[in-house]
Amino acid sequence: MKSILLSISEWLNTHMFPCQYKQLLGLYCPMCGFQRSIIELLNGNFMNSVKIFPAIITMIIAIVVIIFFYLFKPQKLKIVVQAILISNLGIMILTCIVNNLFI
């Protein structure tokens, strides 16, 4: 399993998409760091992954919670997904602001 994750990580490392937002405007976008964060996560570097893209935590939690509600409480899935997406969007925007002001 580890070799599969490493090979995916290596492939992603060589096929990263450039950030069009940053290239055009010279500013970090709300998703800046996501690809590098996923690569670090696949390599087992959770803390580096969170440092690069803090919203990865809420994305992981979102995936787990959405699967749980989809399987056991589908009638409440829409409300839960909306709440998770709003909190995730807030973290991404806050990170974007901090990156553009202080980095």
PDB file of N, CA and C in Angstrom:
ATOM      1  N   MET A   1       0.828  -1.197   0.000  1.00  0.00           N
ATOM      2  CA  MET A   1       0.000   0.000   0.000  1.00  0.00           C
ATOM      3  C   MET A   1       0.873   1.262   0.000  1.00  0.00           C
ATOM      4  N   LYS A   2       1.945   1.226   0.798  1.00  0.00           N
ATOM      5  CA  LYS A   2       2.819   2.395   0.878  1.00  0.00           C
ATOM      6  C   LYS A   2       3.469   2.695  -0.470  1.00  0.00           C
ATOM      7  N   SER A   3       3.847   1.650  -1.202  1.00  0.00           N
ATOM      8  CA  SER A   3       4.467   1.871  -2.507  1.00  0.00           C
ATOM      9  C   SER A   3       3.468   2.472  -3.491  1.00  0.00           C
ATOM     10  N   ILE A   4       2.197   2.112  -3.364  1.00  0.00           N
ATOM     11  CA  ILE A   4       1.173   2.687  -4.236  1.00  0.00           C
ATOM     12  C   ILE A   4       1.022   4.175  -3.944  1.00  0.00           C
ATOM     13  N   LEU A   5       0.971   4.520  -2.649  1.00  0.00           N
ATOM     14  CA  LEU A   5       0.845   5.930  -2.275  1.00  0.00           C
ATOM     15  C   LEU A   5       2.055   6.735  -2.726  1.00  0.00           C
ATOM     16  N   LEU A   6       3.240   6.143  -2.593  1.00  0.00           N
ATOM     17  CA  LEU A   6       4.449   6.842  -3.037  1.00  0.00           C
ATOM     18  C   LEU A   6       4.468   7.039  -4.540  1.00  0.00           C
ATOM     19  N   SER A   7       4.011   6.039  -5.288  1.00  0.00           N
ATOM     20  CA  SER A   7       3.995   6.189  -6.745  1.00  0.00           C
ATOM     21  C   SER A   7       2.965   7.237  -7.172  1.00  0.00           C
ATOM     22  N   ILE A   8       1.823   7.290  -6.467  1.00  0.00           N
ATOM     23  CA  ILE A   8       0.839   8.338  -6.755  1.00  0.00           C
ATOM     24  C   ILE A   8       1.439   9.701  -6.431  1.00  0.00           C
ATOM     25  N   SER A   9       2.125   9.778  -5.298  1.00  0.00           N
ATOM     26  CA  SER A   9       2.766  11.021  -4.881  1.00  0.00           C
ATOM     27  C   SER A   9       3.804  11.478  -5.899  1.00  0.00           C
ATOM     28  N   GLU A  10       4.618  10.560  -6.381  1.00  0.00           N
ATOM     29  CA  GLU A  10       5.634  10.905  -7.384  1.00  0.00           C
ATOM     30  C   GLU A  10       4.982  11.388  -8.671  1.00  0.00           C
ATOM     31  N   TRP A  11       3.906  10.717  -9.081  1.00  0.00           N
ATOM     32  CA  TRP A  11       3.214  11.117 -10.297  1.00  0.00           C
ATOM     33  C   TRP A  11       2.636  12.525 -10.126  1.00  0.00           C
ATOM     34  N   LEU A  12       1.990  12.768  -8.990  1.00  0.00           N
ATOM     35  CA  LEU A  12       1.424  14.093  -8.740  1.00  0.00           C
ATOM     36  C   LEU A  12       2.505  15.170  -8.712  1.00  0.00           C
ATOM     37  N   ASN A  13       3.657  14.825  -8.152  1.00  0.00           N
ATOM     38  CA  ASN A  13       4.767  15.775  -8.075  1.00  0.00           C
ATOM     39  C   ASN A  13       5.233  16.214  -9.453  1.00  0.00           C
ATOM     40  N   THR A  14       5.186  15.315 -10.408  1.00  0.00           N
ATOM     41  CA  THR A  14       5.648  15.645 -11.765  1.00  0.00           C
ATOM     42  C   THR A  14       4.529  16.194 -12.655  1.00  0.00           C
ATOM     43  N   HIS A  15       3.285  16.168 -12.181  1.00  0.00           N
ATOM     44  CA  HIS A  15       2.150  16.630 -12.985  1.00  0.00           C
ATOM     45  C   HIS A  15       1.328  17.696 -12.260  1.00  0.00           C
ATOM     46  N   MET A  16       1.973  18.560 -11.501  1.00  0.00           N
ATOM     47  CA  MET A  16       1.246  19.596 -10.773  1.00  0.00           C
ATOM     48  C   MET A  16       0.746  20.679 -11.730  1.00  0.00           C
ATOM     49  N   PHE A  17      -0.467  21.141 -11.474  1.00  0.00           N
ATOM     50  CA  PHE A  17      -1.036  22.229 -12.263  1.00  0.00           C
ATOM     51  C   PHE A  17      -0.530  23.561 -11.732  1.00  0.00           C
ATOM     52  N   PRO A  18      -0.140  24.477 -12.604  1.00  0.00           N
ATOM     53  CA  PRO A  18       0.244  25.806 -12.126  1.00  0.00           C
ATOM     54  C   PRO A  18      -1.003  26.590 -11.720  1.00  0.00           C
ATOM     55  N   CYS A  19      -0.849  27.468 -10.769  1.00  0.00           N
ATOM     56  CA  CYS A  19      -1.972  28.293 -10.302  1.00  0.00           C
ATOM     57  C   CYS A  19      -2.146  29.471 -11.262  1.00  0.00           C
ATOM     58  N   GLN A  20      -3.222  29.439 -12.030  1.00  0.00           N
ATOM     59  CA  GLN A  20      -3.487  30.514 -12.994  1.00  0.00           C
ATOM     60  C   GLN A  20      -3.739  31.832 -12.293  1.00  0.00           C
ATOM     61  N   TYR A  21      -4.409  31.780 -11.159  1.00  0.00           N
ATOM     62  CA  TYR A  21      -4.707  32.980 -10.371  1.00  0.00           C
ATOM     63  C   TYR A  21      -3.416  33.672  -9.955  1.00  0.00           C
ATOM     64  N   LYS A  22      -2.465  32.885  -9.453  1.00  0.00           N
ATOM     65  CA  LYS A  22      -1.200  33.459  -9.000  1.00  0.00           C
ATOM     66  C   LYS A  22      -0.375  33.964 -10.185  1.00  0.00           C
ATOM     67  N   GLN A  23      -0.420  33.251 -11.292  1.00  0.00           N
ATOM     68  CA  GLN A  23       0.332  33.682 -12.468  1.00  0.00           C
ATOM     69  C   GLN A  23      -0.219  34.992 -13.031  1.00  0.00           C
ATOM     70  N   LEU A  24      -1.542  35.141 -13.041  1.00  0.00           N
ATOM     71  CA  LEU A  24      -2.150  36.346 -13.607  1.00  0.00           C
ATOM     72  C   LEU A  24      -2.098  37.540 -12.657  1.00  0.00           C
ATOM     73  N   LEU A  25      -2.416  37.317 -11.388  1.00  0.00           N
ATOM     74  CA  LEU A  25      -2.538  38.421 -10.441  1.00  0.00           C
ATOM     75  C   LEU A  25      -1.366  38.563  -9.485  1.00  0.00           C
ATOM     76  N   GLY A  26      -0.547  37.513  -9.378  1.00  0.00           N
ATOM     77  CA  GLY A  26       0.578  37.557  -8.453  1.00  0.00           C
ATOM     78  C   GLY A  26       0.183  37.375  -6.996  1.00  0.00           C
ATOM     79  N   LEU A  27      -1.043  36.927  -6.765  1.00  0.00           N
ATOM     80  CA  LEU A  27      -1.548  36.709  -5.411  1.00  0.00           C
ATOM     81  C   LEU A  27      -1.870  35.231  -5.210  1.00  0.00           C
ATOM     82  N   TYR A  28      -1.825  34.794  -3.949  1.00  0.00           N
ATOM     83  CA  TYR A  28      -2.218  33.427  -3.635  1.00  0.00           C
ATOM     84  C   TYR A  28      -3.728  33.305  -3.736  1.00  0.00           C
ATOM     85  N   CYS A  29      -4.205  32.199  -4.272  1.00  0.00           N
ATOM     86  CA  CYS A  29      -5.643  31.942  -4.340  1.00  0.00           C
ATOM     87  C   CYS A  29      -6.061  31.112  -3.111  1.00  0.00           C
ATOM     88  N   PRO A  30      -7.354  30.965  -2.853  1.00  0.00           N
ATOM     89  CA  PRO A  30      -7.788  30.182  -1.695  1.00  0.00           C
ATOM     90  C   PRO A  30      -7.352  28.716  -1.745  1.00  0.00           C
ATOM     91  N   MET A  31      -7.076  28.186  -2.911  1.00  0.00           N
ATOM     92  CA  MET A  31      -6.667  26.783  -3.030  1.00  0.00           C
ATOM     93  C   MET A  31      -5.155  26.608  -3.166  1.00  0.00           C
ATOM     94  N   CYS A  32      -4.397  27.700  -3.107  1.00  0.00           N
ATOM     95  CA  CYS A  32      -2.945  27.585  -3.218  1.00  0.00           C
ATOM     96  C   CYS A  32      -2.394  26.674  -2.125  1.00  0.00           C
ATOM     97  N   GLY A  33      -1.618  25.712  -2.528  1.00  0.00           N
ATOM     98  CA  GLY A  33      -1.013  24.773  -1.595  1.00  0.00           C
ATOM     99  C   GLY A  33      -1.736  23.443  -1.520  1.00  0.00           C
ATOM    100  N   PHE A  34      -2.919  23.351  -2.130  1.00  0.00           N
ATOM    101  CA  PHE A  34      -3.704  22.116  -2.040  1.00  0.00           C
ATOM    102  C   PHE A  34      -2.964  20.920  -2.636  1.00  0.00           C
ATOM    103  N   GLN A  35      -2.400  21.095  -3.821  1.00  0.00           N
ATOM    104  CA  GLN A  35      -1.698  19.979  -4.469  1.00  0.00           C
ATOM    105  C   GLN A  35      -0.493  19.521  -3.654  1.00  0.00           C
ATOM    106  N   ARG A  36       0.297  20.491  -3.173  1.00  0.00           N
ATOM    107  CA  ARG A  36       1.461  20.135  -2.361  1.00  0.00           C
ATOM    108  C   ARG A  36       1.033  19.487  -1.050  1.00  0.00           C
ATOM    109  N   SER A  37      -0.090  19.941  -0.500  1.00  0.00           N
ATOM    110  CA  SER A  37      -0.610  19.374   0.740  1.00  0.00           C
ATOM    111  C   SER A  37      -1.017  17.915   0.543  1.00  0.00           C
ATOM    112  N   ILE A  38      -1.667  17.617  -0.559  1.00  0.00           N
ATOM    113  CA  ILE A  38      -2.069  16.230  -0.864  1.00  0.00           C
ATOM    114  C   ILE A  38      -0.828  15.353  -1.023  1.00  0.00           C
ATOM    115  N   ILE A  39       0.186  15.871  -1.697  1.00  0.00           N
ATOM    116  CA  ILE A  39       1.427  15.105  -1.872  1.00  0.00           C
ATOM    117  C   ILE A  39       2.068  14.810  -0.522  1.00  0.00           C
ATOM    118  N   GLU A  40       2.134  15.807   0.355  1.00  0.00           N
ATOM    119  CA  GLU A  40       2.691  15.590   1.698  1.00  0.00           C
ATOM    120  C   GLU A  40       1.856  14.577   2.475  1.00  0.00           C
ATOM    121  N   LEU A  41       0.548  14.653   2.336  1.00  0.00           N
ATOM    122  CA  LEU A  41      -0.336  13.710   3.023  1.00  0.00           C
ATOM    123  C   LEU A  41      -0.106  12.285   2.531  1.00  0.00           C
ATOM    124  N   LEU A  42       0.055  12.122   1.234  1.00  0.00           N
ATOM    125  CA  LEU A  42       0.326  10.794   0.665  1.00  0.00           C
ATOM    126  C   LEU A  42       1.683  10.254   1.119  1.00  0.00           C
ATOM    127  N   ASN A  43       2.626  11.160   1.387  1.00  0.00           N
ATOM    128  CA  ASN A  43       3.941  10.744   1.874  1.00  0.00           C
ATOM    129  C   ASN A  43       3.955  10.493   3.380  1.00  0.00           C
ATOM    130  N   GLY A  44       2.812  10.733   4.032  1.00  0.00           N
ATOM    131  CA  GLY A  44       2.721  10.485   5.463  1.00  0.00           C
ATOM    132  C   GLY A  44       3.134  11.659   6.327  1.00  0.00           C
ATOM    133  N   ASN A  45       3.322  12.821   5.739  1.00  0.00           N
ATOM    134  CA  ASN A  45       3.729  14.024   6.477  1.00  0.00           C
ATOM    135  C   ASN A  45       2.505  14.881   6.789  1.00  0.00           C
ATOM    136  N   PHE A  46       1.712  14.432   7.772  1.00  0.00           N
ATOM    137  CA  PHE A  46       0.451  15.108   8.083  1.00  0.00           C
ATOM    138  C   PHE A  46       0.666  16.552   8.519  1.00  0.00           C
ATOM    139  N   MET A  47       1.619  16.787   9.402  1.00  0.00           N
ATOM    140  CA  MET A  47       1.839  18.149   9.913  1.00  0.00           C
ATOM    141  C   MET A  47       2.303  19.103   8.809  1.00  0.00           C
ATOM    142  N   ASN A  48       3.178  18.634   7.917  1.00  0.00           N
ATOM    143  CA  ASN A  48       3.598  19.476   6.785  1.00  0.00           C
ATOM    144  C   ASN A  48       2.406  19.769   5.874  1.00  0.00           C
ATOM    145  N   SER A  49       1.554  18.762   5.707  1.00  0.00           N
ATOM    146  CA  SER A  49       0.372  18.925   4.888  1.00  0.00           C
ATOM    147  C   SER A  49      -0.534  20.017   5.443  1.00  0.00           C
ATOM    148  N   VAL A  50      -0.716  20.018   6.762  1.00  0.00           N
ATOM    149  CA  VAL A  50      -1.565  21.028   7.407  1.00  0.00           C
ATOM    150  C   VAL A  50      -0.916  22.406   7.349  1.00  0.00           C
ATOM    151  N   LYS A  51       0.396  22.481   7.493  1.00  0.00           N
ATOM    152  CA  LYS A  51       1.089  23.770   7.409  1.00  0.00           C
ATOM    153  C   LYS A  51       0.941  24.388   6.020  1.00  0.00           C
ATOM    154  N   ILE A  52       1.005  23.556   5.000  1.00  0.00           N
ATOM    155  CA  ILE A  52       0.911  24.045   3.629  1.00  0.00           C
ATOM    156  C   ILE A  52      -0.512  24.497   3.294  1.00  0.00           C
ATOM    157  N   PHE A  53      -1.506  23.715   3.723  1.00  0.00           N
ATOM    158  CA  PHE A  53      -2.910  23.987   3.386  1.00  0.00           C
ATOM    159  C   PHE A  53      -3.790  23.594   4.569  1.00  0.00           C
ATOM    160  N   PRO A  54      -4.036  24.526   5.501  1.00  0.00           N
ATOM    161  CA  PRO A  54      -4.776  24.205   6.726  1.00  0.00           C
ATOM    162  C   PRO A  54      -6.178  23.640   6.499  1.00  0.00           C
ATOM    163  N   ALA A  55      -6.822  23.970   5.410  1.00  0.00           N
ATOM    164  CA  ALA A  55      -8.182  23.483   5.155  1.00  0.00           C
ATOM    165  C   ALA A  55      -8.224  21.986   4.874  1.00  0.00           C
ATOM    166  N   ILE A  56      -7.072  21.347   4.737  1.00  0.00           N
ATOM    167  CA  ILE A  56      -7.047  19.902   4.488  1.00  0.00           C
ATOM    168  C   ILE A  56      -7.689  19.147   5.648  1.00  0.00           C
ATOM    169  N   ILE A  57      -7.586  19.700   6.857  1.00  0.00           N
ATOM    170  CA  ILE A  57      -8.193  19.048   8.024  1.00  0.00           C
ATOM    171  C   ILE A  57      -9.709  18.985   7.857  1.00  0.00           C
ATOM    172  N   THR A  58     -10.318  20.117   7.519  1.00  0.00           N
ATOM    173  CA  THR A  58     -11.770  20.113   7.361  1.00  0.00           C
ATOM    174  C   THR A  58     -12.206  19.309   6.148  1.00  0.00           C
ATOM    175  N   MET A  59     -11.358  19.223   5.137  1.00  0.00           N
ATOM    176  CA  MET A  59     -11.699  18.386   3.978  1.00  0.00           C
ATOM    177  C   MET A  59     -11.720  16.910   4.354  1.00  0.00           C
ATOM    178  N   ILE A  60     -10.758  16.481   5.150  1.00  0.00           N
ATOM    179  CA  ILE A  60     -10.719  15.090   5.592  1.00  0.00           C
ATOM    180  C   ILE A  60     -11.930  14.790   6.478  1.00  0.00           C
ATOM    181  N   ILE A  61     -12.198  15.698   7.415  1.00  0.00           N
ATOM    182  CA  ILE A  61     -13.367  15.527   8.284  1.00  0.00           C
ATOM    183  C   ILE A  61     -14.643  15.511   7.449  1.00  0.00           C
ATOM    184  N   ALA A  62     -14.722  16.381   6.452  1.00  0.00           N
ATOM    185  CA  ALA A  62     -15.903  16.451   5.589  1.00  0.00           C
ATOM    186  C   ALA A  62     -16.145  15.133   4.881  1.00  0.00           C
ATOM    187  N   ILE A  63     -15.107  14.540   4.349  1.00  0.00           N
ATOM    188  CA  ILE A  63     -15.262  13.269   3.637  1.00  0.00           C
ATOM    189  C   ILE A  63     -15.816  12.195   4.566  1.00  0.00           C
ATOM    190  N   VAL A  64     -15.258  12.097   5.770  1.00  0.00           N
ATOM    191  CA  VAL A  64     -15.704  11.090   6.741  1.00  0.00           C
ATOM    192  C   VAL A  64     -17.158  11.348   7.155  1.00  0.00           C
ATOM    193  N   VAL A  65     -17.477  12.595   7.484  1.00  0.00           N
ATOM    194  CA  VAL A  65     -18.827  12.936   7.936  1.00  0.00           C
ATOM    195  C   VAL A  65     -19.851  12.731   6.819  1.00  0.00           C
ATOM    196  N   ILE A  66     -19.507  13.129   5.607  1.00  0.00           N
ATOM    197  CA  ILE A  66     -20.434  12.968   4.481  1.00  0.00           C
ATOM    198  C   ILE A  66     -20.722  11.486   4.226  1.00  0.00           C
ATOM    199  N   ILE A  67     -19.702  10.669   4.283  1.00  0.00           N
ATOM    200  CA  ILE A  67     -19.917   9.224   4.104  1.00  0.00           C
ATOM    201  C   ILE A  67     -20.822   8.691   5.208  1.00  0.00           C
ATOM    202  N   PHE A  68     -20.565   9.104   6.466  1.00  0.00           N
ATOM    203  CA  PHE A  68     -21.395   8.653   7.588  1.00  0.00           C
ATOM    204  C   PHE A  68     -22.854   9.055   7.386  1.00  0.00           C
ATOM    205  N   PHE A  69     -23.105  10.333   7.094  1.00  0.00           N
ATOM    206  CA  PHE A  69     -24.480  10.794   6.929  1.00  0.00           C
ATOM    207  C   PHE A  69     -25.133  10.194   5.694  1.00  0.00           C
ATOM    208  N   TYR A  70     -24.375   9.971   4.652  1.00  0.00           N
ATOM    209  CA  TYR A  70     -24.928   9.339   3.458  1.00  0.00           C
ATOM    210  C   TYR A  70     -25.411   7.924   3.769  1.00  0.00           C
ATOM    211  N   LEU A  71     -24.643   7.208   4.583  1.00  0.00           N
ATOM    212  CA  LEU A  71     -24.992   5.826   4.902  1.00  0.00           C
ATOM    213  C   LEU A  71     -26.075   5.712   5.980  1.00  0.00           C
ATOM    214  N   PHE A  72     -26.035   6.581   6.998  1.00  0.00           N
ATOM    215  CA  PHE A  72     -26.899   6.381   8.158  1.00  0.00           C
ATOM    216  C   PHE A  72     -28.001   7.425   8.343  1.00  0.00           C
ATOM    217  N   LYS A  73     -27.816   8.642   7.877  1.00  0.00           N
ATOM    218  CA  LYS A  73     -28.825   9.689   8.045  1.00  0.00           C
ATOM    219  C   LYS A  73     -28.912  10.548   6.783  1.00  0.00           C
ATOM    220  N   PRO A  74     -29.320   9.951   5.681  1.00  0.00           N
ATOM    221  CA  PRO A  74     -29.325  10.693   4.416  1.00  0.00           C
ATOM    222  C   PRO A  74     -30.252  11.916   4.417  1.00  0.00           C
ATOM    223  N   GLN A  75     -31.286  11.921   5.250  1.00  0.00           N
ATOM    224  CA  GLN A  75     -32.207  13.055   5.274  1.00  0.00           C
ATOM    225  C   GLN A  75     -31.550  14.326   5.811  1.00  0.00           C
ATOM    226  N   LYS A  76     -30.484  14.203   6.590  1.00  0.00           N
ATOM    227  CA  LYS A  76     -29.787  15.373   7.146  1.00  0.00           C
ATOM    228  C   LYS A  76     -28.501  15.701   6.389  1.00  0.00           C
ATOM    229  N   LEU A  77     -28.225  14.971   5.328  1.00  0.00           N
ATOM    230  CA  LEU A  77     -26.974  15.130   4.590  1.00  0.00           C
ATOM    231  C   LEU A  77     -26.806  16.537   4.025  1.00  0.00           C
ATOM    232  N   LYS A  78     -27.865  17.103   3.462  1.00  0.00           N
ATOM    233  CA  LYS A  78     -27.776  18.421   2.825  1.00  0.00           C
ATOM    234  C   LYS A  78     -27.352  19.499   3.826  1.00  0.00           C
ATOM    235  N   ILE A  79     -27.933  19.500   5.004  1.00  0.00           N
ATOM    236  CA  ILE A  79     -27.605  20.502   6.027  1.00  0.00           C
ATOM    237  C   ILE A  79     -26.154  20.343   6.485  1.00  0.00           C
ATOM    238  N   VAL A  80     -25.735  19.105   6.689  1.00  0.00           N
ATOM    239  CA  VAL A  80     -24.370  18.839   7.151  1.00  0.00           C
ATOM    240  C   VAL A  80     -23.360  19.259   6.097  1.00  0.00           C
ATOM    241  N   VAL A  81     -23.617  18.920   4.854  1.00  0.00           N
ATOM    242  CA  VAL A  81     -22.701  19.281   3.766  1.00  0.00           C
ATOM    243  C   VAL A  81     -22.594  20.798   3.652  1.00  0.00           C
ATOM    244  N   GLN A  82     -23.702  21.509   3.765  1.00  0.00           N
ATOM    245  CA  GLN A  82     -23.667  22.968   3.683  1.00  0.00           C
ATOM    246  C   GLN A  82     -22.826  23.561   4.813  1.00  0.00           C
ATOM    247  N   ALA A  83     -23.008  23.066   6.017  1.00  0.00           N
ATOM    248  CA  ALA A  83     -22.246  23.579   7.162  1.00  0.00           C
ATOM    249  C   ALA A  83     -20.758  23.313   6.993  1.00  0.00           C
ATOM    250  N   ILE A  84     -20.411  22.128   6.543  1.00  0.00           N
ATOM    251  CA  ILE A  84     -19.000  21.772   6.351  1.00  0.00           C
ATOM    252  C   ILE A  84     -18.376  22.621   5.247  1.00  0.00           C
ATOM    253  N   LEU A  85     -19.099  22.791   4.150  1.00  0.00           N
ATOM    254  CA  LEU A  85     -18.564  23.578   3.042  1.00  0.00           C
ATOM    255  C   LEU A  85     -18.371  25.042   3.428  1.00  0.00           C
ATOM    256  N   ILE A  86     -19.293  25.593   4.200  1.00  0.00           N
ATOM    257  CA  ILE A  86     -19.152  26.986   4.634  1.00  0.00           C
ATOM    258  C   ILE A  86     -17.944  27.136   5.547  1.00  0.00           C
ATOM    259  N   SER A  87     -17.766  26.196   6.484  1.00  0.00           N
ATOM    260  CA  SER A  87     -16.600  26.300   7.377  1.00  0.00           C
ATOM    261  C   SER A  87     -15.301  26.114   6.603  1.00  0.00           C
ATOM    262  N   ASN A  88     -15.293  25.193   5.654  1.00  0.00           N
ATOM    263  CA  ASN A  88     -14.102  24.962   4.838  1.00  0.00           C
ATOM    264  C   ASN A  88     -13.784  26.187   3.988  1.00  0.00           C
ATOM    265  N   LEU A  89     -14.795  26.787   3.412  1.00  0.00           N
ATOM    266  CA  LEU A  89     -14.593  27.992   2.612  1.00  0.00           C
ATOM    267  C   LEU A  89     -14.036  29.126   3.474  1.00  0.00           C
ATOM    268  N   GLY A  90     -14.546  29.252   4.697  1.00  0.00           N
ATOM    269  CA  GLY A  90     -14.042  30.269   5.613  1.00  0.00           C
ATOM    270  C   GLY A  90     -12.565  30.081   5.923  1.00  0.00           C
ATOM    271  N   ILE A  91     -12.167  28.851   6.182  1.00  0.00           N
ATOM    272  CA  ILE A  91     -10.752  28.561   6.463  1.00  0.00           C
ATOM    273  C   ILE A  91      -9.896  28.863   5.242  1.00  0.00           C
ATOM    274  N   MET A  92     -10.375  28.495   4.055  1.00  0.00           N
ATOM    275  CA  MET A  92      -9.605  28.743   2.840  1.00  0.00           C
ATOM    276  C   MET A  92      -9.441  30.240   2.579  1.00  0.00           C
ATOM    277  N   ILE A  93     -10.497  31.012   2.778  1.00  0.00           N
ATOM    278  CA  ILE A  93     -10.412  32.455   2.552  1.00  0.00           C
ATOM    279  C   ILE A  93      -9.495  33.107   3.585  1.00  0.00           C
ATOM    280  N   LEU A  94      -9.615  32.701   4.847  1.00  0.00           N
ATOM    281  CA  LEU A  94      -8.744  33.236   5.891  1.00  0.00           C
ATOM    282  C   LEU A  94      -7.278  32.922   5.595  1.00  0.00           C
ATOM    283  N   THR A  95      -6.992  31.687   5.181  1.00  0.00           N
ATOM    284  CA  THR A  95      -5.628  31.301   4.833  1.00  0.00           C
ATOM    285  C   THR A  95      -5.118  32.118   3.653  1.00  0.00           C
ATOM    286  N   CYS A  96      -5.975  32.338   2.680  1.00  0.00           N
ATOM    287  CA  CYS A  96      -5.605  33.133   1.507  1.00  0.00           C
ATOM    288  C   CYS A  96      -5.236  34.561   1.916  1.00  0.00           C
ATOM    289  N   ILE A  97      -6.039  35.153   2.781  1.00  0.00           N
ATOM    290  CA  ILE A  97      -5.761  36.512   3.249  1.00  0.00           C
ATOM    291  C   ILE A  97      -4.439  36.569   3.999  1.00  0.00           C
ATOM    292  N   VAL A  98      -4.237  35.630   4.905  1.00  0.00           N
ATOM    293  CA  VAL A  98      -2.992  35.596   5.681  1.00  0.00           C
ATOM    294  C   VAL A  98      -1.791  35.406   4.768  1.00  0.00           C
ATOM    295  N   ASN A  99      -1.897  34.487   3.808  1.00  0.00           N
ATOM    296  CA  ASN A  99      -0.779  34.241   2.883  1.00  0.00           C
ATOM    297  C   ASN A  99      -0.446  35.482   2.068  1.00  0.00           C
ATOM    298  N   ASN A 100      -1.452  36.197   1.617  1.00  0.00           N
ATOM    299  CA  ASN A 100      -1.211  37.375   0.785  1.00  0.00           C
ATOM    300  C   ASN A 100      -0.708  38.570   1.588  1.00  0.00           C
ATOM    301  N   LEU A 101      -1.048  38.638   2.856  1.00  0.00           N
ATOM    302  CA  LEU A 101      -0.608  39.774   3.668  1.00  0.00           C
ATOM    303  C   LEU A 101       0.743  39.551   4.315  1.00  0.00           C
ATOM    304  N   PHE A 102       1.045  38.307   4.697  1.00  0.00           N
ATOM    305  CA  PHE A 102       2.224  38.065   5.504  1.00  0.00           C
ATOM    306  C   PHE A 102       3.299  37.207   4.853  1.00  0.00           C
ATOM    307  N   ILE A 103       3.042  36.663   3.696  1.00  0.00           N
ATOM    308  CA  ILE A 103       4.045  35.798   3.056  1.00  0.00           C
ATOM    309  C   ILE A 103       4.525  36.437   1.779  1.00  0.00           C
TER     310      ILE A 103
END
